[in-house]
Amino acid sequence: GGTPAQPPGAGYRHPAPPQPYPPYIQPYGWQPPKPKRSVGRKIAIGAAVGVALLWGAGCVSVLSRLGDSTDDSSSRTPAGASGQHRPDPRPVSFKGINIPRGYWVRFADSPPKPTDEQNTSNASFGKNADFYYDDDPDYSEDQTPVVGTAGDKVVLLNNAEHGSLSTCRRVTRYAENIHLSQLSKGSQICVHTVSGHIGLVTYRGAAGRSSPSDYITVDLT
């Protein structure tokens, strides 16, 4: 009548506890995600890009203006700077011009005609007196009349100098006037006028003592 013996291992057993999950192994080279850039940094980067674009546009604009100015200056280059020599003006000559004492002529007139100014005491004071013949306005031991210009720049060429535009540009022995006693037939005088013109005067002589008028005869170039 007793309880039958249970086979070994038989009977109620508590369930085995669950086994833990195997540990997760991170793959090689894995990195956690980078945090997102803040809005402020995005704004700063955008502003920097904008400034760079504006600076680049400004440089292009400056270079463009420099190029335009260079082109303009090249187009406005004077003829003298192009390496081509500007030819000298063609000389115009007038022969046998009689200039009475107290009168003067202008080189721009064609032909030059002697004139005077009633409100001046001497022809040398004439504003437009390119070449005059009158008494010496200053005290001098030489009592002979003088020839000159209102610009006070005349040069008496010597016998070795040929009267020409190039010669008159080169010689600089300027005098305010020249006494008639220093001239002889064929003497040449370089005349520099107030307006900047250059004239060549060739003396041909003066009126004789028997002449009722006092004048000189010159060729003008």
C-alpha atoms as a PDB file:
ATOM      1  CA  GLY A   1       0.000   0.000   0.000  1.00  0.00           C
ATOM      2  CA  GLY A   2       2.917   2.452  -0.076  1.00  0.00           C
ATOM      3  CA  THR A   3       3.659   5.137  -2.692  1.00  0.00           C
ATOM      4  CA  PRO A   4       5.552   3.756  -5.611  1.00  0.00           C
ATOM      5  CA  ALA A   5       9.054   5.022  -5.998  1.00  0.00           C
ATOM      6  CA  GLN A   6       9.540   7.692  -8.721  1.00  0.00           C
ATOM      7  CA  PRO A   7      12.159   7.137 -11.320  1.00  0.00           C
ATOM      8  CA  PRO A   8      15.326   9.154 -10.951  1.00  0.00           C
ATOM      9  CA  GLY A   9      15.047  12.541 -12.404  1.00  0.00           C
ATOM     10  CA  ALA A  10      11.360  12.358 -12.414  1.00  0.00           C
ATOM     11  CA  GLY A  11       9.188  14.749 -10.511  1.00  0.00           C
ATOM     12  CA  TYR A  12       8.497  18.536 -10.682  1.00  0.00           C
ATOM     13  CA  ARG A  13      11.362  20.868 -11.424  1.00  0.00           C
ATOM     14  CA  HIS A  14      11.408  24.564 -11.560  1.00  0.00           C
ATOM     15  CA  PRO A  15      11.975  25.941 -15.035  1.00  0.00           C
ATOM     16  CA  ALA A  16      15.496  26.965 -15.742  1.00  0.00           C
ATOM     17  CA  PRO A  17      16.097  30.709 -15.620  1.00  0.00           C
ATOM     18  CA  PRO A  18      16.382  32.406 -19.016  1.00  0.00           C
ATOM     19  CA  GLN A  19      19.845  32.736 -20.388  1.00  0.00           C
ATOM     20  CA  PRO A  20      21.159  36.332 -20.937  1.00  0.00           C
ATOM     21  CA  TYR A  21      21.419  37.634 -24.502  1.00  0.00           C
ATOM     22  CA  PRO A  22      24.886  37.510 -25.931  1.00  0.00           C
ATOM     23  CA  PRO A  23      26.647  40.913 -25.800  1.00  0.00           C
ATOM     24  CA  TYR A  24      26.301  43.168 -28.901  1.00  0.00           C
ATOM     25  CA  ILE A  25      29.609  43.703 -30.565  1.00  0.00           C
ATOM     26  CA  GLN A  26      29.919  47.048 -32.370  1.00  0.00           C
ATOM     27  CA  PRO A  27      31.191  46.733 -35.917  1.00  0.00           C
ATOM     28  CA  TYR A  28      34.725  47.933 -36.541  1.00  0.00           C
ATOM     29  CA  GLY A  29      34.971  51.528 -37.507  1.00  0.00           C
ATOM     30  CA  TRP A  30      31.527  52.505 -36.371  1.00  0.00           C
ATOM     31  CA  GLN A  31      31.224  56.020 -35.055  1.00  0.00           C
ATOM     32  CA  PRO A  32      28.345  57.656 -33.338  1.00  0.00           C
ATOM     33  CA  PRO A  33      26.406  60.140 -35.503  1.00  0.00           C
ATOM     34  CA  LYS A  34      27.733  63.673 -35.440  1.00  0.00           C
ATOM     35  CA  PRO A  35      25.572  66.243 -33.772  1.00  0.00           C
ATOM     36  CA  LYS A  36      23.705  68.508 -36.156  1.00  0.00           C
ATOM     37  CA  ARG A  37      25.219  71.936 -36.767  1.00  0.00           C
ATOM     38  CA  SER A  38      23.520  74.681 -34.972  1.00  0.00           C
ATOM     39  CA  VAL A  39      21.456  77.261 -36.826  1.00  0.00           C
ATOM     40  CA  GLY A  40      23.861  80.017 -35.743  1.00  0.00           C
ATOM     41  CA  ARG A  41      26.772  78.328 -37.433  1.00  0.00           C
ATOM     42  CA  LYS A  42      24.779  77.957 -40.626  1.00  0.00           C
ATOM     43  CA  ILE A  43      24.006  81.666 -40.559  1.00  0.00           C
ATOM     44  CA  ALA A  44      27.678  82.546 -39.992  1.00  0.00           C
ATOM     45  CA  ILE A  45      28.774  80.350 -42.889  1.00  0.00           C
ATOM     46  CA  GLY A  46      26.115  81.850 -45.134  1.00  0.00           C
ATOM     47  CA  ALA A  47      27.207  85.376 -44.216  1.00  0.00           C
ATOM     48  CA  ALA A  48      30.851  84.513 -44.928  1.00  0.00           C
ATOM     49  CA  VAL A  49      29.918  83.131 -48.337  1.00  0.00           C
ATOM     50  CA  GLY A  50      27.913  86.273 -49.084  1.00  0.00           C
ATOM     51  CA  VAL A  51      30.807  88.540 -48.122  1.00  0.00           C
ATOM     52  CA  ALA A  52      33.166  86.506 -50.301  1.00  0.00           C
ATOM     53  CA  LEU A  53      30.796  86.808 -53.260  1.00  0.00           C
ATOM     54  CA  LEU A  54      30.446  90.556 -52.760  1.00  0.00           C
ATOM     55  CA  TRP A  55      34.228  90.970 -52.477  1.00  0.00           C
ATOM     56  CA  GLY A  56      34.749  88.969 -55.647  1.00  0.00           C
ATOM     57  CA  ALA A  57      32.144  91.040 -57.483  1.00  0.00           C
ATOM     58  CA  GLY A  58      33.845  94.207 -56.247  1.00  0.00           C
ATOM     59  CA  CYS A  59      37.224  93.029 -57.529  1.00  0.00           C
ATOM     60  CA  VAL A  60      35.707  92.234 -60.906  1.00  0.00           C
ATOM     61  CA  SER A  61      34.082  95.678 -60.986  1.00  0.00           C
ATOM     62  CA  VAL A  62      37.353  97.427 -60.086  1.00  0.00           C
ATOM     63  CA  LEU A  63      39.283  95.462 -62.687  1.00  0.00           C
ATOM     64  CA  SER A  64      36.607  96.269 -65.237  1.00  0.00           C
ATOM     65  CA  ARG A  65      36.834  99.985 -64.449  1.00  0.00           C
ATOM     66  CA  LEU A  66      40.613  99.850 -64.641  1.00  0.00           C
ATOM     67  CA  GLY A  67      40.393  98.175 -68.002  1.00  0.00           C
ATOM     68  CA  ASP A  68      37.916 100.769 -69.237  1.00  0.00           C
ATOM     69  CA  SER A  69      40.064 103.637 -67.983  1.00  0.00           C
ATOM     70  CA  THR A  70      43.122 102.102 -69.642  1.00  0.00           C
ATOM     71  CA  ASP A  71      41.248 101.831 -72.916  1.00  0.00           C
ATOM     72  CA  ASP A  72      39.996 105.390 -72.595  1.00  0.00           C
ATOM     73  CA  SER A  73      43.444 106.742 -71.791  1.00  0.00           C
ATOM     74  CA  SER A  74      44.871 104.833 -74.730  1.00  0.00           C
ATOM     75  CA  SER A  75      42.244 106.301 -77.024  1.00  0.00           C
ATOM     76  CA  ARG A  76      43.006 109.780 -75.691  1.00  0.00           C
ATOM     77  CA  THR A  77      46.770 109.462 -76.157  1.00  0.00           C
ATOM     78  CA  PRO A  78      48.014 112.631 -77.867  1.00  0.00           C
ATOM     79  CA  ALA A  79      49.493 112.332 -81.300  1.00  0.00           C
ATOM     80  CA  GLY A  80      52.877 113.424 -79.994  1.00  0.00           C
ATOM     81  CA  ALA A  81      53.034 110.429 -77.618  1.00  0.00           C
ATOM     82  CA  SER A  82      52.447 107.851 -80.355  1.00  0.00           C
ATOM     83  CA  GLY A  83      56.047 108.090 -81.451  1.00  0.00           C
ATOM     84  CA  GLN A  84      55.192 109.999 -84.614  1.00  0.00           C
ATOM     85  CA  HIS A  85      56.895 113.355 -84.909  1.00  0.00           C
ATOM     86  CA  ARG A  86      54.481 116.185 -85.621  1.00  0.00           C
ATOM     87  CA  PRO A  87      55.674 118.029 -88.720  1.00  0.00           C
ATOM     88  CA  ASP A  88      56.703 121.653 -88.352  1.00  0.00           C
ATOM     89  CA  PRO A  89      54.267 124.252 -89.686  1.00  0.00           C
ATOM     90  CA  ARG A  90      54.864 125.315 -93.255  1.00  0.00           C
ATOM     91  CA  PRO A  91      56.587 128.709 -93.234  1.00  0.00           C
ATOM     92  CA  VAL A  92      54.936 131.666 -94.955  1.00  0.00           C
ATOM     93  CA  SER A  93      57.140 134.559 -96.051  1.00  0.00           C
ATOM     94  CA  PHE A  94      56.318 138.205 -96.725  1.00  0.00           C
ATOM     95  CA  LYS A  95      58.993 140.309 -98.355  1.00  0.00           C
ATOM     96  CA  GLY A  96      59.586 144.036 -98.351  1.00  0.00           C
ATOM     97  CA  ILE A  97      57.452 145.011 -95.325  1.00  0.00           C
ATOM     98  CA  ASN A  98      58.013 148.680 -94.423  1.00  0.00           C
ATOM     99  CA  ILE A  99      57.596 149.453 -90.712  1.00  0.00           C
ATOM    100  CA  PRO A 100      57.574 153.185 -89.827  1.00  0.00           C
ATOM    101  CA  ARG A 101      59.143 154.348 -86.603  1.00  0.00           C
ATOM    102  CA  GLY A 102      56.641 153.960 -83.749  1.00  0.00           C
ATOM    103  CA  TYR A 103      54.737 151.119 -85.494  1.00  0.00           C
ATOM    104  CA  TRP A 104      54.577 147.382 -85.203  1.00  0.00           C
ATOM    105  CA  VAL A 105      53.225 144.352 -87.080  1.00  0.00           C
ATOM    106  CA  ARG A 106      51.478 141.120 -86.154  1.00  0.00           C
ATOM    107  CA  PHE A 107      52.694 137.840 -87.611  1.00  0.00           C
ATOM    108  CA  ALA A 108      49.129 136.469 -87.796  1.00  0.00           C
ATOM    109  CA  ASP A 109      48.050 139.128 -90.311  1.00  0.00           C
ATOM    110  CA  SER A 110      48.239 138.229 -93.993  1.00  0.00           C
ATOM    111  CA  PRO A 111      49.931 140.299 -95.162  1.00  0.00           C
ATOM    112  CA  PRO A 112      51.325 141.968 -92.029  1.00  0.00           C
ATOM    113  CA  LYS A 113      50.290 145.610 -91.920  1.00  0.00           C
ATOM    114  CA  PRO A 114      52.011 148.251 -89.750  1.00  0.00           C
ATOM    115  CA  THR A 115      49.790 149.576 -86.979  1.00  0.00           C
ATOM    116  CA  ASP A 116      50.097 151.586 -83.783  1.00  0.00           C
ATOM    117  CA  GLU A 117      48.185 152.324 -80.602  1.00  0.00           C
ATOM    118  CA  GLN A 118      47.385 155.930 -79.844  1.00  0.00           C
ATOM    119  CA  ASN A 119      47.250 155.327 -76.090  1.00  0.00           C
ATOM    120  CA  THR A 120      50.823 154.022 -75.833  1.00  0.00           C
ATOM    121  CA  SER A 121      53.940 156.163 -75.643  1.00  0.00           C
ATOM    122  CA  ASN A 122      56.090 153.544 -77.361  1.00  0.00           C
ATOM    123  CA  ALA A 123      55.454 150.731 -79.813  1.00  0.00           C
ATOM    124  CA  SER A 124      57.206 148.311 -77.455  1.00  0.00           C
ATOM    125  CA  PHE A 125      54.230 148.653 -75.103  1.00  0.00           C
ATOM    126  CA  GLY A 126      51.742 147.450 -77.703  1.00  0.00           C
ATOM    127  CA  LYS A 127      49.943 144.340 -76.480  1.00  0.00           C
ATOM    128  CA  ASN A 128      49.970 142.776 -79.947  1.00  0.00           C
ATOM    129  CA  ALA A 129      53.366 144.059 -81.039  1.00  0.00           C
ATOM    130  CA  ASP A 130      54.960 140.936 -82.490  1.00  0.00           C
ATOM    131  CA  PHE A 131      57.720 143.048 -84.063  1.00  0.00           C
ATOM    132  CA  TYR A 132      58.135 146.789 -83.596  1.00  0.00           C
ATOM    133  CA  TYR A 133      60.458 149.634 -84.607  1.00  0.00           C
ATOM    134  CA  ASP A 134      60.728 152.602 -82.238  1.00  0.00           C
ATOM    135  CA  ASP A 135      62.941 154.559 -79.879  1.00  0.00           C
ATOM    136  CA  ASP A 136      64.621 152.701 -77.048  1.00  0.00           C
ATOM    137  CA  PRO A 137      62.145 152.858 -74.114  1.00  0.00           C
ATOM    138  CA  ASP A 138      65.066 152.612 -71.682  1.00  0.00           C
ATOM    139  CA  TYR A 139      68.031 154.911 -71.265  1.00  0.00           C
ATOM    140  CA  SER A 140      71.002 153.801 -73.339  1.00  0.00           C
ATOM    141  CA  GLU A 141      74.218 155.342 -74.579  1.00  0.00           C
ATOM    142  CA  ASP A 142      73.250 154.102 -78.029  1.00  0.00           C
ATOM    143  CA  GLN A 143      70.802 156.698 -79.267  1.00  0.00           C
ATOM    144  CA  THR A 144      69.719 154.705 -82.330  1.00  0.00           C
ATOM    145  CA  PRO A 145      66.181 153.260 -82.500  1.00  0.00           C
ATOM    146  CA  VAL A 146      65.524 149.639 -81.600  1.00  0.00           C
ATOM    147  CA  VAL A 147      63.594 146.668 -82.936  1.00  0.00           C
ATOM    148  CA  GLY A 148      61.994 144.080 -80.707  1.00  0.00           C
ATOM    149  CA  THR A 149      58.809 142.357 -79.589  1.00  0.00           C
ATOM    150  CA  ALA A 150      56.339 142.800 -76.741  1.00  0.00           C
ATOM    151  CA  GLY A 151      57.544 139.430 -75.459  1.00  0.00           C
ATOM    152  CA  ASP A 152      61.054 140.886 -74.891  1.00  0.00           C
ATOM    153  CA  LYS A 153      62.697 137.808 -76.464  1.00  0.00           C
ATOM    154  CA  VAL A 154      64.716 138.395 -79.630  1.00  0.00           C
ATOM    155  CA  VAL A 155      67.966 136.785 -80.786  1.00  0.00           C
ATOM    156  CA  LEU A 156      70.365 138.305 -83.327  1.00  0.00           C
ATOM    157  CA  LEU A 157      71.859 135.401 -85.289  1.00  0.00           C
ATOM    158  CA  ASN A 158      75.518 135.458 -86.199  1.00  0.00           C
ATOM    159  CA  ASN A 159      76.917 134.828 -89.667  1.00  0.00           C
ATOM    160  CA  ALA A 160      77.490 131.120 -88.962  1.00  0.00           C
ATOM    161  CA  GLU A 161      73.837 130.509 -88.037  1.00  0.00           C
ATOM    162  CA  HIS A 162      71.275 129.879 -90.742  1.00  0.00           C
ATOM    163  CA  GLY A 163      67.899 131.382 -89.991  1.00  0.00           C
ATOM    164  CA  SER A 164      65.293 128.619 -89.643  1.00  0.00           C
ATOM    165  CA  LEU A 165      62.657 127.382 -87.217  1.00  0.00           C
ATOM    166  CA  SER A 166      65.006 124.764 -85.778  1.00  0.00           C
ATOM    167  CA  THR A 167      67.727 127.374 -85.282  1.00  0.00           C
ATOM    168  CA  CYS A 168      65.346 129.770 -83.557  1.00  0.00           C
ATOM    169  CA  ARG A 169      64.215 126.973 -81.249  1.00  0.00           C
ATOM    170  CA  ARG A 170      67.784 126.098 -80.372  1.00  0.00           C
ATOM    171  CA  VAL A 171      69.446 129.474 -79.766  1.00  0.00           C
ATOM    172  CA  THR A 172      68.680 131.133 -76.434  1.00  0.00           C
ATOM    173  CA  ARG A 173      70.744 134.333 -76.444  1.00  0.00           C
ATOM    174  CA  TYR A 174      67.644 136.355 -75.658  1.00  0.00           C
ATOM    175  CA  ALA A 175      67.677 140.146 -75.643  1.00  0.00           C
ATOM    176  CA  GLU A 176      64.856 142.583 -74.927  1.00  0.00           C
ATOM    177  CA  ASN A 177      65.587 144.572 -78.078  1.00  0.00           C
ATOM    178  CA  ILE A 178      68.290 145.206 -80.678  1.00  0.00           C
ATOM    179  CA  HIS A 179      69.672 148.598 -81.648  1.00  0.00           C
ATOM    180  CA  LEU A 180      69.623 149.564 -85.287  1.00  0.00           C
ATOM    181  CA  SER A 181      73.360 150.204 -85.118  1.00  0.00           C
ATOM    182  CA  GLN A 182      73.862 146.464 -84.569  1.00  0.00           C
ATOM    183  CA  LEU A 183      72.101 145.504 -87.791  1.00  0.00           C
ATOM    184  CA  SER A 184      73.347 145.339 -91.331  1.00  0.00           C
ATOM    185  CA  LYS A 185      71.648 144.341 -94.547  1.00  0.00           C
ATOM    186  CA  GLY A 186      70.812 140.627 -94.353  1.00  0.00           C
ATOM    187  CA  SER A 187      70.905 140.378 -90.541  1.00  0.00           C
ATOM    188  CA  GLN A 188      68.467 137.772 -89.231  1.00  0.00           C
ATOM    189  CA  ILE A 189      66.530 138.004 -85.973  1.00  0.00           C
ATOM    190  CA  CYS A 190      64.613 135.237 -84.196  1.00  0.00           C
ATOM    191  CA  VAL A 191      61.478 136.669 -82.585  1.00  0.00           C
ATOM    192  CA  HIS A 192      59.534 134.894 -79.798  1.00  0.00           C
ATOM    193  CA  THR A 193      56.104 136.490 -79.401  1.00  0.00           C
ATOM    194  CA  VAL A 194      53.917 136.746 -76.312  1.00  0.00           C
ATOM    195  CA  SER A 195      51.506 134.186 -77.803  1.00  0.00           C
ATOM    196  CA  GLY A 196      54.313 131.652 -78.215  1.00  0.00           C
ATOM    197  CA  HIS A 197      54.867 131.969 -81.962  1.00  0.00           C
ATOM    198  CA  ILE A 198      58.326 132.116 -83.498  1.00  0.00           C
ATOM    199  CA  GLY A 199      59.116 134.437 -86.381  1.00  0.00           C
ATOM    200  CA  LEU A 200      62.236 135.058 -88.432  1.00  0.00           C
ATOM    201  CA  VAL A 201      62.921 138.664 -89.446  1.00  0.00           C
ATOM    202  CA  THR A 202      65.493 139.498 -92.111  1.00  0.00           C
ATOM    203  CA  TYR A 203      66.637 143.108 -92.034  1.00  0.00           C
ATOM    204  CA  ARG A 204      66.833 144.731 -95.486  1.00  0.00           C
ATOM    205  CA  GLY A 205      67.754 148.275 -94.558  1.00  0.00           C
ATOM    206  CA  ALA A 206      66.449 151.628 -93.342  1.00  0.00           C
ATOM    207  CA  ALA A 207      65.246 154.769 -95.062  1.00  0.00           C
ATOM    208  CA  GLY A 208      67.973 157.128 -96.223  1.00  0.00           C
ATOM    209  CA  ARG A 209      68.614 160.475 -94.628  1.00  0.00           C
ATOM    210  CA  SER A 210      66.909 162.221 -97.508  1.00  0.00           C
ATOM    211  CA  SER A 211      63.667 160.279 -96.956  1.00  0.00           C
ATOM    212  CA  PRO A 212      60.822 162.324 -95.434  1.00  0.00           C
ATOM    213  CA  SER A 213      59.827 159.305 -93.269  1.00  0.00           C
ATOM    214  CA  ASP A 214      61.734 157.076 -90.896  1.00  0.00           C
ATOM    215  CA  TYR A 215      61.145 153.367 -91.494  1.00  0.00           C
ATOM    216  CA  ILE A 216      62.879 150.035 -91.876  1.00  0.00           C
ATOM    217  CA  THR A 217      62.326 147.316 -94.476  1.00  0.00           C
ATOM    218  CA  VAL A 218      62.207 143.668 -93.439  1.00  0.00           C
ATOM    219  CA  ASP A 219      61.236 140.228 -94.698  1.00  0.00           C
ATOM    220  CA  LEU A 220      59.024 138.227 -92.346  1.00  0.00           C
ATOM    221  CA  THR A 221      58.819 134.442 -92.132  1.00  0.00           C
END
